[in-house]
Protein backbone atom coordinates (compact mmCIF):
# COMPACT_ATOMS: atom_id res chain seq x y z
CA MET A 1 0.01 -0.03 -0.03
CA GLN A 2 2.80 2.43 0.92
CA THR A 3 4.71 1.76 -2.34
CA LYS A 4 1.43 2.49 -4.27
CA TRP A 5 1.21 5.96 -2.72
CA LEU A 6 4.92 6.57 -3.29
CA ALA A 7 4.51 5.71 -6.92
CA ILE A 8 1.50 8.04 -7.27
CA ALA A 9 3.35 10.83 -5.51
CA PHE A 10 6.32 10.41 -7.82
CA ALA A 11 4.05 10.49 -10.89
CA LEU A 12 2.36 13.65 -9.65
CA LEU A 13 5.72 15.29 -8.98
CA THR A 14 6.90 14.41 -12.46
CA LEU A 15 3.78 15.88 -14.01
CA ALA A 16 4.05 19.01 -11.91
CA LEU A 17 7.70 19.53 -12.95
CA SER A 18 7.00 19.08 -16.65
CA GLY A 19 4.03 21.36 -16.50
CA CYS A 20 5.89 24.24 -14.76
CA GLY A 21 8.50 24.55 -17.52
CA PHE A 22 11.30 22.92 -15.60
CA ALA A 23 14.19 21.92 -17.94
CA LEU A 24 17.59 20.46 -17.26
CA ARG A 25 20.39 22.96 -17.56
CA GLY A 26 22.12 22.66 -20.85
CA SER A 27 19.05 21.51 -22.73
CA SER A 28 18.98 23.26 -26.05
CA TYR A 29 16.37 24.57 -28.41
CA GLY A 30 18.56 23.95 -31.46
CA VAL A 31 18.86 25.83 -34.69
CA ALA A 32 16.01 25.89 -37.23
CA ALA A 33 16.59 23.48 -40.07
CA HIS A 34 16.49 26.31 -42.74
CA TYR A 35 19.70 27.65 -41.13
CA GLN A 36 21.69 24.42 -41.33
CA PRO A 37 24.36 23.63 -42.04
CA LEU A 38 26.31 26.32 -40.28
CA TYR A 39 29.84 27.30 -41.14
CA ILE A 40 32.16 28.50 -38.31
CA ALA A 41 34.56 31.14 -39.49
CA ALA A 42 37.57 31.79 -37.21
CA ASP A 43 41.06 33.07 -37.52
CA ARG A 44 44.15 31.17 -36.49
CA GLU A 45 44.13 32.53 -32.92
CA SER A 46 40.53 31.40 -32.48
CA GLN A 47 40.82 27.79 -33.76
CA ILE A 48 40.57 26.14 -30.33
CA LEU A 49 37.54 28.20 -29.37
CA SER A 50 35.80 27.56 -32.71
CA GLN A 51 36.37 23.76 -32.23
CA ALA A 52 34.76 24.01 -28.76
CA LEU A 53 31.80 25.85 -30.42
CA GLN A 54 31.54 23.20 -33.11
CA ARG A 55 31.54 20.39 -30.50
CA GLN A 56 28.78 22.07 -28.57
CA LEU A 57 26.67 22.62 -31.71
CA GLU A 58 27.07 19.07 -32.82
CA ILE A 59 26.11 17.85 -29.28
CA ASN A 60 22.95 19.77 -29.64
CA GLY A 61 22.22 18.21 -33.01
CA VAL A 62 23.16 21.24 -35.12
CA ASP A 63 24.59 20.31 -38.48
CA THR A 64 27.87 22.12 -39.39
CA THR A 65 29.99 22.07 -42.54
CA GLN A 66 33.67 22.62 -43.31
CA ARG A 67 32.88 24.30 -46.69
CA ARG A 68 31.68 27.93 -46.53
CA THR A 69 29.93 27.50 -49.90
CA LYS A 70 27.63 24.94 -48.48
CA ALA A 71 26.57 26.99 -45.42
CA LYS A 72 23.20 28.54 -44.96
CA LEU A 73 24.50 30.68 -42.08
CA ILE A 74 28.01 31.87 -41.16
CA VAL A 75 29.00 31.98 -37.54
CA GLU A 76 31.97 34.27 -36.98
CA VAL A 77 34.00 33.62 -33.79
CA THR A 78 37.03 35.63 -32.71
CA LEU A 79 39.08 35.18 -29.50
CA LEU A 80 39.60 38.77 -28.58
CA ARG A 81 41.90 38.56 -25.64
CA LYS A 82 43.13 36.38 -22.93
CA GLU A 83 44.38 38.18 -19.79
CA ARG A 84 45.87 37.41 -16.42
CA ARG A 85 45.58 39.90 -13.61
CA SER A 86 47.12 39.79 -10.21
CA ILE A 87 44.52 40.12 -7.42
CA ALA A 88 46.47 39.67 -4.27
CA LEU A 89 50.14 39.35 -3.43
CA ASP A 90 51.83 37.34 -0.68
CA ARG A 91 54.52 38.58 1.79
CA GLU A 92 57.19 38.21 -0.87
CA ALA A 93 55.26 40.18 -3.52
CA ARG A 94 54.32 37.02 -5.50
CA ASP A 95 50.87 36.36 -6.85
CA ALA A 96 48.69 34.84 -4.08
CA GLU A 97 45.58 35.08 -6.25
CA TYR A 98 45.16 35.92 -9.85
CA ALA A 99 42.28 36.16 -12.34
CA LEU A 100 42.10 34.70 -15.84
CA PHE A 101 39.91 36.30 -18.51
CA GLU A 102 38.93 35.04 -21.99
CA ARG A 103 36.85 37.24 -24.29
CA ALA A 104 35.31 36.28 -27.61
CA ARG A 105 33.24 37.99 -30.24
CA LEU A 106 30.38 36.36 -32.02
CA ALA A 107 28.42 37.40 -35.12
CA LEU A 108 26.14 35.74 -37.56
CA ARG A 109 26.26 36.50 -41.28
CA SER A 110 24.23 35.40 -44.25
CA PRO A 111 26.03 33.37 -46.89
CA ASP A 112 26.36 36.61 -48.96
CA GLY A 113 28.24 38.28 -46.12
CA LYS A 114 25.56 40.59 -44.63
CA PHE A 115 25.39 40.82 -40.86
CA LYS A 116 22.26 39.02 -39.40
CA ARG A 117 23.07 39.37 -35.73
CA GLY A 118 25.81 40.70 -33.50
CA PRO A 119 28.54 41.23 -32.98
CA ILE A 120 28.40 40.48 -29.28
CA THR A 121 31.22 39.97 -26.79
CA LEU A 122 31.16 37.11 -24.25
CA GLU A 123 33.60 36.68 -21.41
CA GLN A 124 34.69 33.97 -19.02
CA ARG A 125 36.53 34.74 -15.71
CA ARG A 126 38.15 32.58 -13.14
CA ILE A 127 40.00 33.35 -9.95
CA ILE A 128 42.85 31.06 -8.94
CA VAL A 129 44.53 30.77 -5.47
CA ASN A 130 48.19 30.30 -6.18
CA ASP A 131 50.77 28.20 -4.45
CA PRO A 132 53.83 30.42 -4.81
CA ASP A 133 56.15 27.49 -3.83
CA ASN A 134 55.13 25.51 -6.93
CA PRO A 135 55.75 27.59 -10.09
CA VAL A 136 55.44 24.57 -12.37
CA GLY A 137 52.06 23.67 -10.81
CA GLU A 138 50.97 27.23 -11.44
CA GLN A 139 51.52 27.04 -15.15
CA THR A 140 49.86 23.60 -15.45
CA GLU A 141 46.90 24.74 -13.45
CA THR A 142 46.58 27.92 -15.58
CA ASP A 143 46.62 25.75 -18.81
CA ILE A 144 43.93 23.43 -17.40
CA VAL A 145 41.79 26.35 -16.32
CA ARG A 146 42.10 28.15 -19.58
CA ALA A 147 41.07 24.95 -21.42
CA GLU A 148 37.95 24.67 -19.16
CA MET A 149 37.26 28.31 -19.76
CA ARG A 150 37.36 27.89 -23.59
CA GLU A 151 34.93 24.94 -23.33
CA GLN A 152 32.54 26.98 -21.22
CA LEU A 153 32.86 29.85 -23.62
CA GLY A 154 32.06 27.41 -26.45
CA VAL A 155 28.91 26.46 -24.56
CA ARG A 156 27.87 30.08 -24.17
CA LEU A 157 28.55 30.84 -27.85
CA ALA A 158 26.50 27.82 -28.92
CA GLN A 159 23.63 29.00 -26.67
CA GLN A 160 23.85 32.49 -28.17
CA VAL A 161 23.66 31.15 -31.72
CA GLU A 162 20.77 28.95 -30.85
CA TYR A 163 18.98 31.89 -29.19
CA TRP A 164 19.58 34.17 -32.21
CA THR A 165 18.20 31.56 -34.67
CA ARG A 166 15.04 30.59 -32.87
CA ASP A 167 13.28 33.91 -32.93
CA ASN A 168 10.32 32.65 -35.00
CA GLY A 169 12.81 31.21 -37.49
CA GLU A 170 14.33 34.60 -38.16
CA ALA A 171 17.90 35.74 -37.51
CA HIS A 172 17.55 39.54 -37.73
């Protein structure tokens, strides 16, 4: 009898969550089919970021192409700047904490080169507490954190592309 009530309560909870608009973080809306495939245009400095964006789009079921001529929409990605700023110093004037920044610009163009949306600048920031007695560990940690930041920036770029292309099927 108790398991029956538990099953009913679980079913009601599931219905309530689905009815209230609850969605798992990271669930996507996708890109309208008439905009696919997308071509990601990036300069040499932005290749790692463009690869992160492409992975995210493909995870969300968005078709991409390696040939600009086959694209129905051009996604331009540019890594603007990566910075490191000292936040706090220790007794010996070494970095005790530092911040890492990654900025990227995103724009959508039609195949004929006209701007559809953007450009917009997105940024990722991280604060790292440093072990001044381990300079090798500092560089390794910085490299790992920067890689994570680029992946997160790729997620945000993909979300922005999807947002721009779902406005009633129009990328303005």
